[in-house]
C-alpha cells in the first residue's frame, strides 16, 4: 500500500513537472509558473505543489510502520567467529565497512536482527554515544534473538566501548526489501 501511494505520488509529480516544462516552453514569458483551473477559480503554483509532494514522500518514507523494544548491542566484523560476509547479502564487511548504500534511504548503518525483521528492513533508533542524530540502519545480518538488534561497528573493541548493551525502542521504517 505504501509503495502504491509512493508510485502514485511520483506519477503525479512527474505529470506536474512535464506540464510545468510544457507551459514554460510554450509561454513567451518565463515568469509564468501558475496554471488556472477554471472549474474552481483557483490558481495552482506548480513549484509549491512539487515541493509539497516531495515533503509528503519524505514524511511517508520516515514514518514508523511499527515500533519494537529490545536490547541494542554492538558487534565488530573482526569477531572470532565472523566471516565478514553478511547473512542477508553478499556484502563483505571484514574491511571495517559499517554502512550500506540503500536506494531509498541513502547511506545507512548495518544491523543484525532475528528473523522477526525480514532482510532489508530499515530501522531508526537513538544511541547518543554513536551519533547526535537518530541512526537509520538496515537489517543485513542475523544472529540475535527476539526484538534485539546488533549494530555493526568497525571492531569488537568499538562495539564494547561505544554501544555496550542498552534496552531501547526502535521504529521500523520499512519491512524488508520490497516494502
Protein backbone atom coordinates (compact mmCIF):
# COMPACT_ATOMS: atom_id res chain seq x y z
CA UNK A 1 0.00 0.00 0.00
CA UNK A 2 2.84 2.38 0.89
CA UNK A 3 4.64 1.52 -2.36
CA UNK A 4 1.43 2.13 -4.37
CA UNK A 5 0.90 5.50 -2.67
CA UNK A 6 4.54 6.43 -3.34
CA UNK A 7 4.21 5.42 -7.03
CA UNK A 8 1.01 7.46 -7.41
CA UNK A 9 2.66 10.50 -5.80
CA UNK A 10 5.71 10.12 -8.05
CA UNK A 11 3.44 9.81 -11.11
CA UNK A 12 1.52 12.95 -10.17
CA UNK A 13 4.78 14.76 -9.52
CA UNK A 14 6.12 13.69 -12.93
CA UNK A 15 2.93 14.79 -14.70
CA UNK A 16 3.09 18.17 -12.97
CA UNK A 17 6.75 18.56 -13.90
CA UNK A 18 6.00 17.74 -17.56
CA UNK A 19 3.08 20.18 -17.52
CA UNK A 20 5.29 22.84 -15.96
CA UNK A 21 8.01 22.34 -18.60
CA UNK A 22 5.39 22.41 -21.39
CA UNK A 23 3.82 25.64 -20.10
CA UNK A 24 7.26 27.22 -19.65
CA UNK A 25 8.30 26.28 -23.20
CA UNK A 26 5.03 27.40 -24.84
CA UNK A 27 4.90 30.68 -22.96
CA UNK A 28 6.88 33.64 -24.24
CA UNK A 29 7.19 34.89 -20.67
CA UNK A 30 9.45 32.92 -18.32
CA UNK A 31 7.53 34.33 -15.35
CA UNK A 32 4.50 32.09 -15.91
CA UNK A 33 4.63 29.48 -13.14
CA UNK A 34 0.94 29.02 -12.44
CA UNK A 35 -1.95 27.25 -14.12
CA UNK A 36 -5.54 28.40 -13.81
CA UNK A 37 -8.26 25.91 -13.02
CA UNK A 38 -11.46 27.45 -14.39
CA UNK A 39 -13.69 24.88 -12.71
CA UNK A 40 -12.96 26.15 -9.22
CA UNK A 41 -11.42 29.55 -9.95
CA UNK A 42 -8.23 28.61 -8.12
CA UNK A 43 -4.63 29.06 -9.17
CA UNK A 44 -2.08 26.33 -8.50
CA UNK A 45 1.56 27.21 -8.06
CA UNK A 46 3.35 24.22 -9.59
CA UNK A 47 6.61 24.84 -7.76
CA UNK A 48 4.84 24.86 -4.40
CA UNK A 49 2.86 21.75 -5.33
CA UNK A 50 6.03 19.89 -6.30
CA UNK A 51 7.67 20.85 -3.00
CA UNK A 52 4.59 19.67 -1.07
CA UNK A 53 4.59 16.33 -2.92
CA UNK A 54 8.28 15.84 -2.13
CA UNK A 55 7.61 16.68 1.54
CA UNK A 56 4.77 14.14 1.65
CA UNK A 57 7.02 11.46 0.14
CA UNK A 58 9.76 12.17 2.70
CA UNK A 59 7.27 12.10 5.58
CA UNK A 60 5.95 8.74 4.38
CA UNK A 61 9.48 7.37 3.92
CA UNK A 62 10.45 8.22 7.51
CA UNK A 63 7.16 7.46 9.26
CA UNK A 64 7.23 4.50 11.63
CA UNK A 65 5.41 1.41 10.35
CA UNK A 66 5.84 -0.27 13.75
CA UNK A 67 7.80 0.17 16.99
CA UNK A 68 9.64 -2.52 18.96
CA UNK A 69 11.66 -2.59 22.17
CA UNK A 70 14.76 -4.73 22.50
CA UNK A 71 18.39 -4.76 23.53
CA UNK A 72 20.71 -2.92 21.18
CA UNK A 73 24.24 -4.25 21.28
CA UNK A 74 27.26 -3.83 19.05
CA UNK A 75 29.46 -6.27 17.17
CA UNK A 76 32.53 -5.99 15.00
CA UNK A 77 33.21 -7.87 11.78
CA UNK A 78 36.53 -8.87 13.32
CA UNK A 79 34.87 -11.07 15.94
CA UNK A 80 36.45 -14.55 16.23
CA UNK A 81 33.54 -16.40 14.59
CA UNK A 82 32.68 -13.74 11.98
CA UNK A 83 33.44 -14.44 8.33
CA UNK A 84 32.88 -10.87 7.19
CA UNK A 85 30.05 -11.95 4.86
CA UNK A 86 26.61 -10.82 5.98
CA UNK A 87 23.78 -13.37 6.16
CA UNK A 88 21.25 -11.33 4.14
CA UNK A 89 23.54 -10.35 1.30
CA UNK A 90 26.96 -10.99 -0.16
CA UNK A 91 28.08 -7.66 1.31
CA UNK A 92 31.59 -8.00 2.81
CA UNK A 93 32.44 -6.06 5.99
CA UNK A 94 35.68 -7.61 7.28
CA UNK A 95 37.47 -4.50 5.93
CA UNK A 96 35.75 -2.30 8.57
CA UNK A 97 32.73 -1.26 6.48
CA UNK A 98 29.79 -0.36 8.72
CA UNK A 99 27.43 1.29 6.23
CA UNK A 100 25.35 0.26 3.23
CA UNK A 101 24.15 2.37 0.25
CA UNK A 102 20.38 1.86 0.22
CA UNK A 103 18.42 3.06 -2.83
CA UNK A 104 15.68 4.75 -0.76
CA UNK A 105 17.41 5.84 2.45
CA UNK A 106 20.92 6.63 1.23
CA UNK A 107 23.92 5.58 3.31
CA UNK A 108 22.66 3.69 6.35
CA UNK A 109 24.28 1.72 9.17
CA UNK A 110 24.15 -2.09 9.25
CA UNK A 111 22.42 -4.13 11.96
CA UNK A 112 21.84 -7.79 12.68
CA UNK A 113 18.35 -8.90 13.69
CA UNK A 114 16.43 -12.08 14.29
CA UNK A 115 14.06 -13.30 11.60
CA UNK A 116 11.38 -11.12 13.27
CA UNK A 117 12.53 -8.44 10.82
CA UNK A 118 12.98 -9.50 7.19
CA UNK A 119 16.29 -8.86 5.45
CA UNK A 120 16.35 -5.33 4.05
CA UNK A 121 14.18 -3.89 6.82
CA UNK A 122 15.13 -0.34 7.80
CA UNK A 123 15.03 0.78 11.44
CA UNK A 124 15.61 4.04 13.32
CA UNK A 125 16.90 4.35 16.88
CA UNK A 126 18.92 6.68 19.04
CA UNK A 127 22.36 6.00 20.51
CA UNK A 128 23.88 9.28 21.77
CA UNK A 129 27.33 7.65 22.22
CA UNK A 130 27.41 7.00 18.45
CA UNK A 131 25.51 9.94 16.93
CA UNK A 132 23.59 13.04 17.98
CA UNK A 133 21.14 12.27 15.16
CA UNK A 134 18.89 9.19 15.06
CA UNK A 135 20.63 6.21 13.47
CA UNK A 136 19.00 4.79 10.36
CA UNK A 137 20.09 1.17 9.82
CA UNK A 138 19.31 -1.74 7.53
CA UNK A 139 18.99 -5.40 8.55
CA UNK A 140 21.68 -7.24 6.59
CA UNK A 141 22.76 -9.84 9.13
CA UNK A 142 21.32 -12.38 11.55
CA UNK A 143 22.46 -13.75 14.89
CA UNK A 144 20.35 -12.16 17.60
CA UNK A 145 17.15 -13.25 19.32
CA UNK A 146 13.68 -11.73 19.57
CA UNK A 147 13.45 -7.99 19.05
CA UNK A 148 17.13 -7.32 19.74
CA UNK A 149 19.41 -5.50 17.27
CA UNK A 150 23.17 -5.74 16.92
CA UNK A 151 24.82 -2.64 15.41
CA UNK A 152 27.86 -3.32 13.22
CA UNK A 153 30.91 -1.41 14.44
CA UNK A 154 34.44 -1.17 12.98
CA UNK A 155 35.76 -3.54 15.67
CA UNK A 156 34.73 -5.56 18.69
CA UNK A 157 36.59 -3.04 20.90
CA UNK A 158 34.49 -0.16 19.47
CA UNK A 159 31.32 -2.20 19.94
CA UNK A 160 32.08 -2.75 23.62
CA UNK A 161 33.25 0.84 24.21
CA UNK A 162 30.53 2.81 22.38
CA UNK A 163 27.46 0.58 22.26
CA UNK A 164 27.54 -1.98 25.08
CA UNK A 165 24.01 -3.25 25.78
CA UNK A 166 21.08 -0.85 26.02
CA UNK A 167 17.37 -1.57 26.07
CA UNK A 168 15.81 0.83 23.54
CA UNK A 169 12.71 1.33 21.46
CA UNK A 170 13.22 1.49 17.73
CA UNK A 171 10.98 2.31 14.78
CA UNK A 172 10.66 0.12 11.71
CA UNK A 173 10.58 2.37 8.65
CA UNK A 174 10.48 -0.45 6.07
CA UNK A 175 9.73 -4.16 6.41
CA UNK A 176 12.10 -5.94 4.04
CA UNK A 177 13.38 -5.09 0.58
CA UNK A 178 10.05 -4.94 -1.24
CA UNK A 179 8.01 -2.70 1.06
